[in-house]
Amino acid sequence: MIGKIKLKKNDQVKIISGKDSGKTGRVLSVDRIRGRVVVEGANLVKKTKRRRSEQDQGGIIEIEAPLHISNVMVVTKNGKTTRVAIQQKGDNKVRIAKKTGEEL
């Protein structure tokens, strides 16, 4: 496990390294133990699916594979990539963008 993971589901992220670098997408799931995220429409791999019934067709499908969390960065509302900090506001904690200081 890596340090504190500050990404959440439905965050808008940009891939900064790997075969899909430069693509942006929404986080579909976060695996905090392995330190991986699944990004919508990125890191597509082909997988064979077995036919289960008459209605369920088998074949080769494309699914999103998980990426390491260090290969993605959060995108702010103005489209810039930034790191995430956690700040105490009153009784609750808020995630903020390090570059702009806006809340995520």
PDB file of N, CA and C in Angstrom:
ATOM      1  N   MET A   1       0.836  -1.187   0.000  1.00  0.00           N
ATOM      2  CA  MET A   1       0.000   0.000   0.000  1.00  0.00           C
ATOM      3  C   MET A   1       0.874   1.240   0.000  1.00  0.00           C
ATOM      4  N   ILE A   2       0.449   2.223  -0.776  1.00  0.00           N
ATOM      5  CA  ILE A   2       1.178   3.484  -0.791  1.00  0.00           C
ATOM      6  C   ILE A   2       0.533   4.431   0.212  1.00  0.00           C
ATOM      7  N   GLY A   3       1.036   5.653   0.310  1.00  0.00           N
ATOM      8  CA  GLY A   3       0.560   6.616   1.295  1.00  0.00           C
ATOM      9  C   GLY A   3      -0.922   6.894   1.195  1.00  0.00           C
ATOM     10  N   LYS A   4      -1.351   8.011   1.737  1.00  0.00           N
ATOM     11  CA  LYS A   4      -2.763   8.367   1.736  1.00  0.00           C
ATOM     12  C   LYS A   4      -3.236   8.620   0.321  1.00  0.00           C
ATOM     13  N   ILE A   5      -4.294   7.937  -0.084  1.00  0.00           N
ATOM     14  CA  ILE A   5      -4.846   8.088  -1.421  1.00  0.00           C
ATOM     15  C   ILE A   5      -5.906   9.177  -1.384  1.00  0.00           C
ATOM     16  N   LYS A   6      -5.701  10.209  -2.183  1.00  0.00           N
ATOM     17  CA  LYS A   6      -6.575  11.372  -2.137  1.00  0.00           C
ATOM     18  C   LYS A   6      -7.534  11.441  -3.317  1.00  0.00           C
ATOM     19  N   LEU A   7      -7.558  10.386  -4.131  1.00  0.00           N
ATOM     20  CA  LEU A   7      -8.506  10.325  -5.239  1.00  0.00           C
ATOM     21  C   LEU A   7      -9.780   9.643  -4.789  1.00  0.00           C
ATOM     22  N   LYS A   8     -10.898  10.061  -5.398  1.00  0.00           N
ATOM     23  CA  LYS A   8     -12.187   9.455  -5.096  1.00  0.00           C
ATOM     24  C   LYS A   8     -12.881   9.083  -6.395  1.00  0.00           C
ATOM     25  N   LYS A   9     -13.909   8.285  -6.271  1.00  0.00           N
ATOM     26  CA  LYS A   9     -14.724   7.909  -7.410  1.00  0.00           C
ATOM     27  C   LYS A   9     -15.364   9.168  -7.997  1.00  0.00           C
ATOM     28  N   ASN A  10     -15.489   9.207  -9.320  1.00  0.00           N
ATOM     29  CA  ASN A  10     -16.064  10.318 -10.098  1.00  0.00           C
ATOM     30  C   ASN A  10     -15.167  11.544 -10.189  1.00  0.00           C
ATOM     31  N   ASP A  11     -13.918  11.485  -9.728  1.00  0.00           N
ATOM     32  CA  ASP A  11     -12.970  12.582  -9.950  1.00  0.00           C
ATOM     33  C   ASP A  11     -12.579  12.612 -11.420  1.00  0.00           C
ATOM     34  N   GLN A  12     -12.365  13.798 -11.950  1.00  0.00           N
ATOM     35  CA  GLN A  12     -11.873  13.943 -13.319  1.00  0.00           C
ATOM     36  C   GLN A  12     -10.350  13.914 -13.250  1.00  0.00           C
ATOM     37  N   VAL A  13      -9.706  12.984 -13.968  1.00  0.00           N
ATOM     38  CA  VAL A  13      -8.256  12.845 -13.913  1.00  0.00           C
ATOM     39  C   VAL A  13      -7.669  12.833 -15.313  1.00  0.00           C
ATOM     40  N   LYS A  14      -6.363  13.127 -15.380  1.00  0.00           N
ATOM     41  CA  LYS A  14      -5.611  13.056 -16.625  1.00  0.00           C
ATOM     42  C   LYS A  14      -4.492  12.055 -16.431  1.00  0.00           C
ATOM     43  N   ILE A  15      -4.279  11.205 -17.430  1.00  0.00           N
ATOM     44  CA  ILE A  15      -3.220  10.205 -17.356  1.00  0.00           C
ATOM     45  C   ILE A  15      -1.921  10.871 -17.788  1.00  0.00           C
ATOM     46  N   ILE A  16      -0.893  10.780 -16.951  1.00  0.00           N
ATOM     47  CA  ILE A  16       0.352  11.504 -17.220  1.00  0.00           C
ATOM     48  C   ILE A  16       1.463  10.612 -17.740  1.00  0.00           C
ATOM     49  N   SER A  17       1.303   9.276 -17.669  1.00  0.00           N
ATOM     50  CA  SER A  17       2.324   8.397 -18.231  1.00  0.00           C
ATOM     51  C   SER A  17       1.694   7.084 -18.648  1.00  0.00           C
ATOM     52  N   GLY A  18       2.375   6.377 -19.529  1.00  0.00           N
ATOM     53  CA  GLY A  18       1.876   5.106 -20.023  1.00  0.00           C
ATOM     54  C   GLY A  18       1.366   5.222 -21.445  1.00  0.00           C
ATOM     55  N   LYS A  19       0.731   4.164 -21.915  1.00  0.00           N
ATOM     56  CA  LYS A  19       0.296   4.139 -23.315  1.00  0.00           C
ATOM     57  C   LYS A  19      -0.852   5.100 -23.594  1.00  0.00           C
ATOM     58  N   ASP A  20      -1.602   5.494 -22.587  1.00  0.00           N
ATOM     59  CA  ASP A  20      -2.728   6.408 -22.761  1.00  0.00           C
ATOM     60  C   ASP A  20      -2.435   7.790 -22.208  1.00  0.00           C
ATOM     61  N   SER A  21      -1.178   8.193 -22.156  1.00  0.00           N
ATOM     62  CA  SER A  21      -0.849   9.491 -21.559  1.00  0.00           C
ATOM     63  C   SER A  21      -1.491  10.624 -22.355  1.00  0.00           C
ATOM     64  N   GLY A  22      -2.018  11.589 -21.623  1.00  0.00           N
ATOM     65  CA  GLY A  22      -2.695  12.721 -22.235  1.00  0.00           C
ATOM     66  C   GLY A  22      -4.203  12.594 -22.236  1.00  0.00           C
ATOM     67  N   LYS A  23      -4.733  11.390 -22.056  1.00  0.00           N
ATOM     68  CA  LYS A  23      -6.181  11.195 -22.034  1.00  0.00           C
ATOM     69  C   LYS A  23      -6.751  11.631 -20.682  1.00  0.00           C
ATOM     70  N   THR A  24      -7.976  12.123 -20.714  1.00  0.00           N
ATOM     71  CA  THR A  24      -8.667  12.456 -19.478  1.00  0.00           C
ATOM     72  C   THR A  24      -9.900  11.587 -19.357  1.00  0.00           C
ATOM     73  N   GLY A  25     -10.327  11.360 -18.137  1.00  0.00           N
ATOM     74  CA  GLY A  25     -11.500  10.538 -17.902  1.00  0.00           C
ATOM     75  C   GLY A  25     -11.925  10.593 -16.453  1.00  0.00           C
ATOM     76  N   ARG A  26     -13.027   9.928 -16.176  1.00  0.00           N
ATOM     77  CA  ARG A  26     -13.611   9.900 -14.846  1.00  0.00           C
ATOM     78  C   ARG A  26     -13.168   8.630 -14.139  1.00  0.00           C
ATOM     79  N   VAL A  27     -12.880   8.727 -12.836  1.00  0.00           N
ATOM     80  CA  VAL A  27     -12.473   7.565 -12.053  1.00  0.00           C
ATOM     81  C   VAL A  27     -13.704   6.709 -11.777  1.00  0.00           C
ATOM     82  N   LEU A  28     -13.635   5.435 -12.182  1.00  0.00           N
ATOM     83  CA  LEU A  28     -14.741   4.507 -11.970  1.00  0.00           C
ATOM     84  C   LEU A  28     -14.624   3.777 -10.638  1.00  0.00           C
ATOM     85  N   SER A  29     -13.398   3.437 -10.240  1.00  0.00           N
ATOM     86  CA  SER A  29     -13.198   2.768  -8.956  1.00  0.00           C
ATOM     87  C   SER A  29     -11.777   3.002  -8.471  1.00  0.00           C
ATOM     88  N   VAL A  30     -11.599   2.900  -7.151  1.00  0.00           N
ATOM     89  CA  VAL A  30     -10.296   3.097  -6.516  1.00  0.00           C
ATOM     90  C   VAL A  30     -10.010   1.870  -5.657  1.00  0.00           C
ATOM     91  N   ASP A  31      -8.850   1.249  -5.869  1.00  0.00           N
ATOM     92  CA  ASP A  31      -8.400   0.131  -5.041  1.00  0.00           C
ATOM     93  C   ASP A  31      -7.325   0.675  -4.112  1.00  0.00           C
ATOM     94  N   ARG A  32      -7.694   0.939  -2.880  1.00  0.00           N
ATOM     95  CA  ARG A  32      -6.788   1.580  -1.925  1.00  0.00           C
ATOM     96  C   ARG A  32      -5.681   0.648  -1.452  1.00  0.00           C
ATOM     97  N   ILE A  33      -5.924  -0.642  -1.445  1.00  0.00           N
ATOM     98  CA  ILE A  33      -4.912  -1.596  -0.978  1.00  0.00           C
ATOM     99  C   ILE A  33      -3.795  -1.736  -2.002  1.00  0.00           C
ATOM    100  N   ARG A  34      -4.148  -1.899  -3.279  1.00  0.00           N
ATOM    101  CA  ARG A  34      -3.147  -2.074  -4.331  1.00  0.00           C
ATOM    102  C   ARG A  34      -2.658  -0.747  -4.908  1.00  0.00           C
ATOM    103  N   GLY A  35      -3.350   0.359  -4.594  1.00  0.00           N
ATOM    104  CA  GLY A  35      -2.941   1.662  -5.107  1.00  0.00           C
ATOM    105  C   GLY A  35      -3.228   1.826  -6.584  1.00  0.00           C
ATOM    106  N   ARG A  36      -4.409   1.383  -7.023  1.00  0.00           N
ATOM    107  CA  ARG A  36      -4.762   1.437  -8.436  1.00  0.00           C
ATOM    108  C   ARG A  36      -6.131   2.073  -8.624  1.00  0.00           C
ATOM    109  N   VAL A  37      -6.316   2.686  -9.798  1.00  0.00           N
ATOM    110  CA  VAL A  37      -7.593   3.286 -10.161  1.00  0.00           C
ATOM    111  C   VAL A  37      -8.000   2.806 -11.547  1.00  0.00           C
ATOM    112  N   VAL A  38      -9.309   2.759 -11.789  1.00  0.00           N
ATOM    113  CA  VAL A  38      -9.847   2.431 -13.107  1.00  0.00           C
ATOM    114  C   VAL A  38     -10.430   3.718 -13.667  1.00  0.00           C
ATOM    115  N   VAL A  39      -9.931   4.135 -14.850  1.00  0.00           N
ATOM    116  CA  VAL A  39     -10.359   5.375 -15.482  1.00  0.00           C
ATOM    117  C   VAL A  39     -11.232   5.031 -16.683  1.00  0.00           C
ATOM    118  N   GLU A  40     -12.334   5.753 -16.821  1.00  0.00           N
ATOM    119  CA  GLU A  40     -13.296   5.502 -17.889  1.00  0.00           C
ATOM    120  C   GLU A  40     -12.671   5.780 -19.257  1.00  0.00           C
ATOM    121  N   GLY A  41     -12.699   4.778 -20.127  1.00  0.00           N
ATOM    122  CA  GLY A  41     -12.214   4.926 -21.493  1.00  0.00           C
ATOM    123  C   GLY A  41     -10.707   4.896 -21.649  1.00  0.00           C
ATOM    124  N   ALA A  42      -9.976   4.514 -20.619  1.00  0.00           N
ATOM    125  CA  ALA A  42      -8.514   4.492 -20.695  1.00  0.00           C
ATOM    126  C   ALA A  42      -7.992   3.104 -20.320  1.00  0.00           C
ATOM    127  N   ASN A  43      -6.824   2.762 -20.834  1.00  0.00           N
ATOM    128  CA  ASN A  43      -6.156   1.490 -20.577  1.00  0.00           C
ATOM    129  C   ASN A  43      -7.066   0.321 -20.923  1.00  0.00           C
ATOM    130  N   LEU A  44      -7.628   0.370 -22.123  1.00  0.00           N
ATOM    131  CA  LEU A  44      -8.546  -0.678 -22.573  1.00  0.00           C
ATOM    132  C   LEU A  44      -7.776  -1.936 -22.940  1.00  0.00           C
ATOM    133  N   VAL A  45      -8.265  -3.074 -22.467  1.00  0.00           N
ATOM    134  CA  VAL A  45      -7.691  -4.369 -22.809  1.00  0.00           C
ATOM    135  C   VAL A  45      -8.800  -5.255 -23.342  1.00  0.00           C
ATOM    136  N   LYS A  46      -8.435  -6.207 -24.187  1.00  0.00           N
ATOM    137  CA  LYS A  46      -9.413  -7.125 -24.751  1.00  0.00           C
ATOM    138  C   LYS A  46      -9.500  -8.361 -23.868  1.00  0.00           C
ATOM    139  N   LYS A  47     -10.731  -8.790 -23.636  1.00  0.00           N
ATOM    140  CA  LYS A  47     -10.964  -9.946 -22.787  1.00  0.00           C
ATOM    141  C   LYS A  47     -11.997 -10.836 -23.469  1.00  0.00           C
ATOM    142  N   THR A  48     -11.782 -12.152 -23.396  1.00  0.00           N
ATOM    143  CA  THR A  48     -12.760 -13.059 -23.983  1.00  0.00           C
ATOM    144  C   THR A  48     -13.853 -13.335 -22.959  1.00  0.00           C
ATOM    145  N   LYS A  49     -15.100 -13.288 -23.451  1.00  0.00           N
ATOM    146  CA  LYS A  49     -16.252 -13.526 -22.587  1.00  0.00           C
ATOM    147  C   LYS A  49     -16.972 -14.765 -23.081  1.00  0.00           C
ATOM    148  N   ARG A  50     -17.308 -15.627 -22.166  1.00  0.00           N
ATOM    149  CA  ARG A  50     -17.988 -16.870 -22.504  1.00  0.00           C
ATOM    150  C   ARG A  50     -19.476 -16.660 -22.676  1.00  0.00           C
ATOM    151  N   ARG A  51     -20.054 -17.407 -23.560  1.00  0.00           N
ATOM    152  CA  ARG A  51     -21.494 -17.337 -23.768  1.00  0.00           C
ATOM    153  C   ARG A  51     -22.188 -18.055 -22.613  1.00  0.00           C
ATOM    154  N   ARG A  52     -23.117 -17.387 -21.945  1.00  0.00           N
ATOM    155  CA  ARG A  52     -23.800 -17.961 -20.784  1.00  0.00           C
ATOM    156  C   ARG A  52     -25.191 -18.488 -21.135  1.00  0.00           C
ATOM    157  N   SER A  53     -25.889 -17.787 -22.029  1.00  0.00           N
ATOM    158  CA  SER A  53     -27.234 -18.212 -22.403  1.00  0.00           C
ATOM    159  C   SER A  53     -27.499 -17.790 -23.844  1.00  0.00           C
ATOM    160  N   GLU A  54     -28.732 -17.972 -24.286  1.00  0.00           N
ATOM    161  CA  GLU A  54     -29.091 -17.578 -25.649  1.00  0.00           C
ATOM    162  C   GLU A  54     -29.014 -16.070 -25.836  1.00  0.00           C
ATOM    163  N   GLN A  55     -29.450 -15.301 -24.822  1.00  0.00           N
ATOM    164  CA  GLN A  55     -29.447 -13.844 -24.939  1.00  0.00           C
ATOM    165  C   GLN A  55     -28.043 -13.257 -24.737  1.00  0.00           C
ATOM    166  N   ASP A  56     -27.274 -13.846 -23.840  1.00  0.00           N
ATOM    167  CA  ASP A  56     -25.937 -13.336 -23.519  1.00  0.00           C
ATOM    168  C   ASP A  56     -24.938 -13.862 -24.545  1.00  0.00           C
ATOM    169  N   GLN A  57     -24.516 -13.014 -25.454  1.00  0.00           N
ATOM    170  CA  GLN A  57     -23.556 -13.409 -26.481  1.00  0.00           C
ATOM    171  C   GLN A  57     -22.140 -13.357 -25.930  1.00  0.00           C
ATOM    172  N   GLY A  58     -21.351 -14.309 -26.306  1.00  0.00           N
ATOM    173  CA  GLY A  58     -19.952 -14.316 -25.923  1.00  0.00           C
ATOM    174  C   GLY A  58     -19.127 -13.590 -26.969  1.00  0.00           C
ATOM    175  N   GLY A  59     -17.823 -13.597 -26.806  1.00  0.00           N
ATOM    176  CA  GLY A  59     -16.942 -12.969 -27.772  1.00  0.00           C
ATOM    177  C   GLY A  59     -15.840 -12.196 -27.097  1.00  0.00           C
ATOM    178  N   ILE A  60     -15.204 -11.332 -27.863  1.00  0.00           N
ATOM    179  CA  ILE A  60     -14.107 -10.516 -27.350  1.00  0.00           C
ATOM    180  C   ILE A  60     -14.671  -9.143 -27.008  1.00  0.00           C
ATOM    181  N   ILE A  61     -14.483  -8.728 -25.751  1.00  0.00           N
ATOM    182  CA  ILE A  61     -14.965  -7.420 -25.305  1.00  0.00           C
ATOM    183  C   ILE A  61     -13.776  -6.588 -24.834  1.00  0.00           C
ATOM    184  N   GLU A  62     -13.956  -5.277 -24.802  1.00  0.00           N
ATOM    185  CA  GLU A  62     -12.922  -4.382 -24.287  1.00  0.00           C
ATOM    186  C   GLU A  62     -13.375  -3.830 -22.945  1.00  0.00           C
ATOM    187  N   ILE A  63     -12.499  -3.945 -21.937  1.00  0.00           N
ATOM    188  CA  ILE A  63     -12.791  -3.414 -20.619  1.00  0.00           C
ATOM    189  C   ILE A  63     -11.638  -2.536 -20.173  1.00  0.00           C
ATOM    190  N   GLU A  64     -11.901  -1.674 -19.188  1.00  0.00           N
ATOM    191  CA  GLU A  64     -10.859  -0.816 -18.634  1.00  0.00           C
ATOM    192  C   GLU A  64     -10.062  -1.603 -17.594  1.00  0.00           C
ATOM    193  N   ALA A  65      -8.754  -1.571 -17.718  1.00  0.00           N
ATOM    194  CA  ALA A  65      -7.873  -2.218 -16.744  1.00  0.00           C
ATOM    195  C   ALA A  65      -7.392  -1.157 -15.761  1.00  0.00           C
ATOM    196  N   PRO A  66      -7.032  -1.559 -14.537  1.00  0.00           N
ATOM    197  CA  PRO A  66      -6.583  -0.573 -13.555  1.00  0.00           C
ATOM    198  C   PRO A  66      -5.212   0.008 -13.888  1.00  0.00           C
ATOM    199  N   LEU A  67      -5.033   1.272 -13.519  1.00  0.00           N
ATOM    200  CA  LEU A  67      -3.761   1.989 -13.649  1.00  0.00           C
ATOM    201  C   LEU A  67      -3.198   2.242 -12.263  1.00  0.00           C
ATOM    202  N   HIS A  68      -1.886   2.393 -12.166  1.00  0.00           N
ATOM    203  CA  HIS A  68      -1.308   2.765 -10.884  1.00  0.00           C
ATOM    204  C   HIS A  68      -1.658   4.219 -10.581  1.00  0.00           C
ATOM    205  N   ILE A  69      -1.853   4.499  -9.316  1.00  0.00           N
ATOM    206  CA  ILE A  69      -2.343   5.811  -8.908  1.00  0.00           C
ATOM    207  C   ILE A  69      -1.337   6.933  -9.187  1.00  0.00           C
ATOM    208  N   SER A  70      -0.049   6.574  -9.312  1.00  0.00           N
ATOM    209  CA  SER A  70       0.965   7.588  -9.589  1.00  0.00           C
ATOM    210  C   SER A  70       0.943   8.045 -11.039  1.00  0.00           C
ATOM    211  N   ASN A  71       0.214   7.334 -11.900  1.00  0.00           N
ATOM    212  CA  ASN A  71       0.157   7.689 -13.315  1.00  0.00           C
ATOM    213  C   ASN A  71      -0.988   8.623 -13.653  1.00  0.00           C
ATOM    214  N   VAL A  72      -1.775   9.061 -12.674  1.00  0.00           N
ATOM    215  CA  VAL A  72      -2.886   9.974 -12.933  1.00  0.00           C
ATOM    216  C   VAL A  72      -2.785  11.195 -12.022  1.00  0.00           C
ATOM    217  N   MET A  73      -3.333  12.318 -12.519  1.00  0.00           N
ATOM    218  CA  MET A  73      -3.414  13.547 -11.728  1.00  0.00           C
ATOM    219  C   MET A  73      -4.814  14.123 -11.854  1.00  0.00           C
ATOM    220  N   VAL A  74      -5.270  14.779 -10.798  1.00  0.00           N
ATOM    221  CA  VAL A  74      -6.600  15.375 -10.775  1.00  0.00           C
ATOM    222  C   VAL A  74      -6.619  16.599 -11.685  1.00  0.00           C
ATOM    223  N   VAL A  75      -7.727  16.781 -12.399  1.00  0.00           N
ATOM    224  CA  VAL A  75      -7.914  17.938 -13.271  1.00  0.00           C
ATOM    225  C   VAL A  75      -8.883  18.891 -12.578  1.00  0.00           C
ATOM    226  N   THR A  76      -8.508  20.178 -12.511  1.00  0.00           N
ATOM    227  CA  THR A  76      -9.374  21.180 -11.896  1.00  0.00           C
ATOM    228  C   THR A  76     -10.444  21.629 -12.875  1.00  0.00           C
ATOM    229  N   LYS A  77     -11.291  22.548 -12.441  1.00  0.00           N
ATOM    230  CA  LYS A  77     -12.382  23.025 -13.294  1.00  0.00           C
ATOM    231  C   LYS A  77     -11.876  23.775 -14.520  1.00  0.00           C
ATOM    232  N   ASN A  78     -10.714  24.447 -14.408  1.00  0.00           N
ATOM    233  CA  ASN A  78     -10.178  25.172 -15.565  1.00  0.00           C
ATOM    234  C   ASN A  78      -9.313  24.300 -16.460  1.00  0.00           C
ATOM    235  N   GLY A  79      -9.190  22.994 -16.159  1.00  0.00           N
ATOM    236  CA  GLY A  79      -8.510  22.052 -17.034  1.00  0.00           C
ATOM    237  C   GLY A  79      -7.044  21.805 -16.739  1.00  0.00           C
ATOM    238  N   LYS A  80      -6.523  22.354 -15.640  1.00  0.00           N
ATOM    239  CA  LYS A  80      -5.115  22.139 -15.290  1.00  0.00           C
ATOM    240  C   LYS A  80      -4.977  20.964 -14.338  1.00  0.00           C
ATOM    241  N   THR A  81      -3.866  20.232 -14.489  1.00  0.00           N
ATOM    242  CA  THR A  81      -3.602  19.125 -13.574  1.00  0.00           C
ATOM    243  C   THR A  81      -2.977  19.670 -12.303  1.00  0.00           C
ATOM    244  N   THR A  82      -3.282  19.032 -11.192  1.00  0.00           N
ATOM    245  CA  THR A  82      -2.786  19.502  -9.908  1.00  0.00           C
ATOM    246  C   THR A  82      -2.681  18.343  -8.922  1.00  0.00           C
ATOM    247  N   ARG A  83      -1.901  18.552  -7.891  1.00  0.00           N
ATOM    248  CA  ARG A  83      -1.872  17.615  -6.778  1.00  0.00           C
ATOM    249  C   ARG A  83      -2.975  17.993  -5.801  1.00  0.00           C
ATOM    250  N   VAL A  84      -3.282  17.088  -4.898  1.00  0.00           N
ATOM    251  CA  VAL A  84      -4.394  17.291  -3.976  1.00  0.00           C
ATOM    252  C   VAL A  84      -3.861  17.385  -2.558  1.00  0.00           C
ATOM    253  N   ALA A  85      -4.381  18.355  -1.800  1.00  0.00           N
ATOM    254  CA  ALA A  85      -4.044  18.498  -0.390  1.00  0.00           C
ATOM    255  C   ALA A  85      -5.328  18.382   0.418  1.00  0.00           C
ATOM    256  N   ILE A  86      -5.195  17.999   1.675  1.00  0.00           N
ATOM    257  CA  ILE A  86      -6.342  17.913   2.564  1.00  0.00           C
ATOM    258  C   ILE A  86      -6.201  19.015   3.605  1.00  0.00           C
ATOM    259  N   GLN A  87      -7.266  19.800   3.748  1.00  0.00           N
ATOM    260  CA  GLN A  87      -7.232  20.947   4.648  1.00  0.00           C
ATOM    261  C   GLN A  87      -8.397  20.842   5.626  1.00  0.00           C
ATOM    262  N   GLN A  88      -8.161  21.266   6.864  1.00  0.00           N
ATOM    263  CA  GLN A  88      -9.191  21.239   7.891  1.00  0.00           C
ATOM    264  C   GLN A  88     -10.014  22.522   7.809  1.00  0.00           C
ATOM    265  N   LYS A  89     -11.332  22.373   7.627  1.00  0.00           N
ATOM    266  CA  LYS A  89     -12.241  23.526   7.626  1.00  0.00           C
ATOM    267  C   LYS A  89     -13.322  23.260   8.650  1.00  0.00           C
ATOM    268  N   GLY A  90     -13.205  23.898   9.793  1.00  0.00           N
ATOM    269  CA  GLY A  90     -14.177  23.650  10.855  1.00  0.00           C
ATOM    270  C   GLY A  90     -14.006  22.251  11.411  1.00  0.00           C
ATOM    271  N   ASP A  91     -15.092  21.484  11.373  1.00  0.00           N
ATOM    272  CA  ASP A  91     -15.050  20.123  11.904  1.00  0.00           C
ATOM    273  C   ASP A  91     -14.749  19.070  10.851  1.00  0.00           C
ATOM    274  N   ASN A  92     -14.803  19.445   9.568  1.00  0.00           N
ATOM    275  CA  ASN A  92     -14.590  18.439   8.523  1.00  0.00           C
ATOM    276  C   ASN A  92     -13.366  18.764   7.680  1.00  0.00           C
ATOM    277  N   LYS A  93     -12.868  17.732   6.977  1.00  0.00           N
ATOM    278  CA  LYS A  93     -11.704  17.875   6.111  1.00  0.00           C
ATOM    279  C   LYS A  93     -12.162  18.079   4.678  1.00  0.00           C
ATOM    280  N   VAL A  94     -11.440  18.917   3.928  1.00  0.00           N
ATOM    281  CA  VAL A  94     -11.799  19.247   2.553  1.00  0.00           C
ATOM    282  C   VAL A  94     -10.586  19.009   1.673  1.00  0.00           C
ATOM    283  N   ARG A  95     -10.818  18.456   0.473  1.00  0.00           N
ATOM    284  CA  ARG A  95      -9.738  18.304  -0.497  1.00  0.00           C
ATOM    285  C   ARG A  95      -9.627  19.577  -1.314  1.00  0.00           C
ATOM    286  N   ILE A  96      -8.397  20.093  -1.459  1.00  0.00           N
ATOM    287  CA  ILE A  96      -8.188  21.309  -2.247  1.00  0.00           C
ATOM    288  C   ILE A  96      -7.107  21.054  -3.296  1.00  0.00           C
ATOM    289  N   ALA A  97      -7.144  21.851  -4.373  1.00  0.00           N
ATOM    290  CA  ALA A  97      -6.126  21.772  -5.409  1.00  0.00           C
ATOM    291  C   ALA A  97      -4.922  22.586  -4.974  1.00  0.00           C
ATOM    292  N   LYS A  98      -3.721  22.020  -5.095  1.00  0.00           N
ATOM    293  CA  LYS A  98      -2.521  22.714  -4.643  1.00  0.00           C
ATOM    294  C   LYS A  98      -2.193  23.926  -5.504  1.00  0.00           C
ATOM    295  N   LYS A  99      -2.461  23.847  -6.835  1.00  0.00           N
ATOM    296  CA  LYS A  99      -2.112  24.963  -7.717  1.00  0.00           C
ATOM    297  C   LYS A  99      -3.021  26.155  -7.516  1.00  0.00           C
ATOM    298  N   THR A 100      -4.331  25.914  -7.447  1.00  0.00           N
ATOM    299  CA  THR A 100      -5.281  27.022  -7.417  1.00  0.00           C
ATOM    300  C   THR A 100      -5.879  27.277  -6.049  1.00  0.00           C
ATOM    301  N   GLY A 101      -5.875  26.288  -5.179  1.00  0.00           N
ATOM    302  CA  GLY A 101      -6.456  26.446  -3.860  1.00  0.00           C
ATOM    303  C   GLY A 101      -7.963  26.237  -3.822  1.00  0.00           C
ATOM    304  N   GLU A 102      -8.572  25.875  -4.944  1.00  0.00           N
ATOM    305  CA  GLU A 102     -10.024  25.662  -4.973  1.00  0.00           C
ATOM    306  C   GLU A 102     -10.382  24.308  -4.400  1.00  0.00           C
ATOM    307  N   GLU A 103     -11.604  24.186  -3.912  1.00  0.00           N
ATOM    308  CA  GLU A 103     -12.078  22.914  -3.357  1.00  0.00           C
ATOM    309  C   GLU A 103     -12.431  21.950  -4.484  1.00  0.00           C
ATOM    310  N   LEU A 104     -12.183  20.668  -4.222  1.00  0.00           N
ATOM    311  CA  LEU A 104     -12.519  19.633  -5.212  1.00  0.00           C
ATOM    312  C   LEU A 104     -13.809  18.943  -4.836  1.00  0.00           C
TER     313      LEU A 104
END
